[in-house]
Protein backbone atom coordinates (compact mmCIF):
# COMPACT_ATOMS: atom_id res chain seq x y z
CA MET A 1 -14.08 2.75 4.65
CA GLY A 2 -12.31 5.79 6.06
CA THR A 3 -13.87 8.89 7.57
CA ARG A 4 -12.92 11.02 4.55
CA THR A 5 -14.61 8.55 2.19
CA LEU A 6 -17.77 8.58 4.28
CA LEU A 7 -17.81 12.37 4.31
CA ASP A 8 -17.34 12.37 0.53
CA CYS A 9 -20.43 10.13 0.24
CA VAL A 10 -22.62 12.32 2.44
CA ALA A 11 -22.72 15.39 0.17
CA PRO A 12 -24.03 13.59 -2.95
CA TYR A 13 -26.50 11.65 -0.79
CA ARG A 14 -27.90 14.83 0.75
CA GLU A 15 -28.14 16.45 -2.66
CA LYS A 16 -29.57 13.56 -4.73
CA GLY A 17 -30.53 10.85 -2.26
CA ILE A 18 -29.81 7.25 -3.31
CA ASP A 19 -29.06 8.37 -6.89
CA GLY A 20 -26.18 10.47 -5.52
CA LEU A 21 -24.60 7.37 -4.01
CA VAL A 22 -24.82 5.50 -7.31
CA ASP A 23 -23.16 8.43 -9.11
CA TYR A 24 -20.43 8.60 -6.48
CA GLN A 25 -19.65 4.88 -6.79
CA GLN A 26 -19.32 5.13 -10.57
CA THR A 27 -16.82 7.99 -10.47
CA GLY A 28 -14.31 6.35 -8.13
CA ASN A 29 -10.68 5.54 -8.96
CA ARG A 30 -11.55 1.94 -9.78
CA THR A 31 -12.18 2.79 -13.41
CA LEU A 32 -8.74 4.30 -14.02
CA LEU A 33 -7.30 0.99 -15.26
CA THR A 34 -9.14 -1.36 -17.58
CA ASP A 35 -9.51 -5.05 -16.74
CA ALA A 36 -6.83 -5.88 -19.33
CA GLN A 37 -4.46 -3.32 -17.82
CA ARG A 38 -5.05 -4.71 -14.33
CA ARG A 39 -4.25 -8.24 -15.52
CA GLU A 40 -1.14 -7.03 -17.34
CA LEU A 41 -0.05 -5.06 -14.26
CA ALA A 42 -0.50 -8.09 -12.00
CA GLU A 43 1.78 -10.10 -14.29
CA LYS A 44 4.41 -7.35 -14.34
CA LEU A 45 4.33 -7.10 -10.55
CA LYS A 46 4.91 -10.84 -10.25
CA GLN A 47 7.62 -10.88 -12.91
CA TYR A 48 9.67 -7.87 -11.80
CA ARG A 49 10.88 -6.27 -8.58
CA PRO A 50 11.25 -2.50 -8.14
CA LEU A 51 15.00 -3.11 -7.98
CA ASP A 52 14.96 -4.83 -11.41
CA LEU A 53 13.16 -1.88 -13.00
CA HIS A 54 15.34 0.76 -11.32
CA ILE A 55 12.28 2.25 -9.64
CA SER A 56 13.87 1.91 -6.20
CA GLN A 57 16.30 -0.25 -4.26
CA HIS A 58 13.47 -2.32 -2.73
CA GLN A 59 13.25 -6.07 -3.14
CA TYR A 60 9.48 -6.03 -2.65
CA TRP A 61 6.73 -3.79 -4.01
CA THR A 62 5.74 -0.87 -1.82
CA VAL A 63 2.83 1.51 -2.34
CA SER A 64 5.19 4.30 -3.40
CA ASP A 65 7.02 2.00 -5.85
CA LEU A 66 3.73 0.83 -7.31
CA ALA A 67 2.57 4.44 -7.73
CA VAL A 68 5.70 5.21 -9.78
CA ALA A 69 5.28 2.09 -11.93
CA VAL A 70 1.56 2.65 -12.60
CA GLU A 71 2.22 6.25 -13.64
CA GLN A 72 5.13 5.24 -15.91
CA TRP A 73 3.36 2.31 -17.55
CA TYR A 74 -0.20 3.61 -17.80
CA GLY A 75 -0.10 7.34 -17.10
CA VAL A 76 -2.49 6.84 -14.18
CA VAL A 77 -2.27 8.42 -10.73
CA TYR A 78 -4.65 7.34 -7.97
CA GLN A 79 -5.77 10.06 -5.59
CA HIS A 80 -5.66 7.83 -2.54
CA ARG A 81 -3.17 5.28 -1.27
CA ASP A 82 -6.01 2.76 -0.94
CA GLY A 83 -6.18 2.43 -4.74
CA TYR A 84 -2.63 1.09 -4.82
CA ILE A 85 -3.26 -1.19 -1.85
CA ARG A 86 -6.26 -2.65 -3.72
CA ILE A 87 -4.07 -3.24 -6.79
CA LEU A 88 -1.50 -5.10 -4.69
CA HIS A 89 -4.21 -7.19 -3.05
CA ARG A 90 -5.94 -8.07 -6.33
CA SER A 91 -2.56 -8.98 -7.82
CA GLY A 92 -2.03 -11.58 -5.10
CA PHE A 93 0.26 -9.55 -2.85
CA SER A 94 -0.31 -8.91 0.82
CA PHE A 95 0.10 -5.44 2.25
CA GLN A 96 2.22 -5.33 5.37
CA ARG A 97 3.10 -2.29 7.37
CA SER A 98 6.66 -2.06 8.55
CA THR A 99 7.25 -2.33 12.26
CA LYS A 100 9.80 -0.63 14.41
CA VAL A 101 12.72 -2.84 15.26
CA TYR A 102 14.92 -2.16 18.23
CA ARG A 103 18.30 -2.32 16.51
CA HIS A 104 20.51 -1.92 19.56
CA GLN A 105 19.36 -4.96 21.49
CA PRO A 106 22.28 -6.40 23.41
CA SER A 107 23.51 -9.90 22.67
CA ALA A 108 22.68 -12.80 24.97
CA ALA A 109 26.27 -12.79 26.28
CA ALA A 110 26.06 -9.08 27.13
CA LEU A 111 22.79 -9.66 29.01
CA VAL A 112 24.31 -12.51 31.03
CA GLU A 113 27.31 -10.33 31.87
CA PHE A 114 25.04 -7.44 32.92
CA GLU A 115 22.86 -9.69 35.12
CA ALA A 116 25.99 -11.13 36.75
CA MET A 117 27.21 -7.63 37.48
CA LEU A 118 23.85 -6.74 39.06
CA GLU A 119 23.95 -9.80 41.33
CA LYS A 120 27.42 -8.85 42.60
CA LYS A 121 26.18 -5.46 43.76
């Protein structure tokens, strides 16, 4: 749970005690899609790629692609990115952050040539 979520829980708790926490839990984004819609969405995500649906040029579902699809298909917009990550997870997808890749890494031959040049000096 993030800091913002914890802070959002504190106000109702201070105002209503334990009952405030129960109210807070019931008003979360989880109820935006019905169980049937979640099952249908999971099937669509497995059947199609964002590229197939002309949502984006991606081969795999991203949070931003999923947000577009959910809004188009169901008219639902989650307030937080975590809602979409939960949907991906419950649909059997894993969420992976992209990593930086050093694109200009020299080839093995270039490294050998450079090391040879260093040894000569």
